[in-house]
Amino acid sequence: MTVNKDMIHVLLYLIAFFAFMASLYYVDTKNEKEKTAWQQEQHSLCLGKENRARPACWREIDWEVYCERVQCKGEPRH
């Protein structure tokens, strides 16, 4: 039983390709897990429901609701 040289080349290329993809995945997830000191501080300050009152912890929807309410306060009510 002989193995064709082309099959060996294809197998080596596949191994190299998957090794490259695995290294890209590793680098990407490694960078994602490492938080800066500022990110860690912001995360710890925004934990818990009571800390949602801080504007630094607001989500996009919080800002939209806030802006809608502030805009309406200056208008006369009928």
Protein backbone atom coordinates (compact mmCIF):
# COMPACT_ATOMS: atom_id res chain seq x y z
CA MET A 1 0.00 0.00 0.00
CA THR A 2 1.70 3.18 -1.17
CA VAL A 3 0.62 6.69 -0.33
CA ASN A 4 0.44 9.14 -3.15
CA LYS A 5 2.83 12.14 -2.76
CA ASP A 6 0.00 14.51 -3.64
CA MET A 7 -2.05 13.20 -0.74
CA ILE A 8 0.87 13.82 1.63
CA HIS A 9 1.18 17.40 0.36
CA VAL A 10 -2.53 18.01 0.78
CA LEU A 11 -2.41 16.60 4.29
CA LEU A 12 0.56 18.82 5.22
CA TYR A 13 -1.20 21.90 3.81
CA LEU A 14 -4.32 21.08 5.79
CA ILE A 15 -2.34 20.63 8.99
CA ALA A 16 -0.56 23.95 8.42
CA PHE A 17 -3.85 25.71 7.65
CA PHE A 18 -5.61 24.45 10.77
CA ALA A 19 -2.55 25.22 12.93
CA PHE A 20 -2.59 28.79 11.59
CA MET A 21 -6.33 29.15 12.26
CA ALA A 22 -5.91 27.77 15.78
CA SER A 23 -3.13 30.26 16.50
CA LEU A 24 -5.32 33.16 15.30
CA TYR A 25 -8.14 31.99 17.55
CA TYR A 26 -5.78 31.70 20.51
CA VAL A 27 -4.36 35.21 20.03
CA ASP A 28 -7.85 36.68 19.63
CA THR A 29 -9.28 35.06 22.76
CA LYS A 30 -6.13 35.80 24.77
CA ASN A 31 -6.46 39.54 24.05
CA GLU A 32 -10.17 39.47 24.87
CA LYS A 33 -9.62 38.01 28.33
CA GLU A 34 -6.99 40.54 29.38
CA LYS A 35 -8.70 43.66 30.69
CA THR A 36 -6.96 46.93 31.37
CA ALA A 37 -7.01 48.41 34.85
CA TRP A 38 -9.58 50.98 33.70
CA GLN A 39 -11.87 48.29 32.28
CA GLN A 40 -11.64 46.27 35.50
CA GLU A 41 -12.45 49.35 37.58
CA GLN A 42 -15.45 50.25 35.40
CA HIS A 43 -16.73 46.68 35.51
CA SER A 44 -16.48 46.49 39.29
CA LEU A 45 -18.11 49.91 39.74
CA CYS A 46 -21.08 48.93 37.57
CA LEU A 47 -21.87 45.59 39.20
CA GLY A 48 -25.24 45.40 40.90
CA LYS A 49 -28.56 47.05 40.28
CA GLU A 50 -27.97 50.00 42.60
CA ASN A 51 -24.96 51.11 40.55
CA ARG A 52 -27.06 51.46 37.38
CA ALA A 53 -27.85 54.99 38.59
CA ARG A 54 -24.35 56.09 37.60
CA PRO A 55 -24.32 57.53 34.06
CA ALA A 56 -20.98 55.81 33.42
CA CYS A 57 -22.78 52.47 33.81
CA TRP A 58 -25.75 53.25 31.58
CA ARG A 59 -26.49 51.19 28.51
CA GLU A 60 -27.54 52.68 25.18
CA ILE A 61 -31.24 52.17 25.96
CA ASP A 62 -30.82 54.01 29.26
CA TRP A 63 -29.43 57.04 27.43
CA GLU A 64 -32.28 56.98 24.89
CA VAL A 65 -34.93 56.95 27.62
CA TYR A 66 -33.14 59.69 29.55
CA CYS A 67 -32.87 61.93 26.50
CA GLU A 68 -36.54 61.43 25.64
CA ARG A 69 -37.62 62.44 29.14
CA VAL A 70 -35.30 65.44 29.37
CA GLN A 71 -36.50 66.79 26.03
CA CYS A 72 -40.12 66.54 27.16
CA LYS A 73 -39.58 68.39 30.46
CA GLY A 74 -39.12 71.78 28.81
CA GLU A 75 -42.33 71.56 26.76
CA PRO A 76 -45.68 72.72 28.18
CA ARG A 77 -48.17 69.95 28.93
CA HIS A 78 -51.73 70.12 27.62
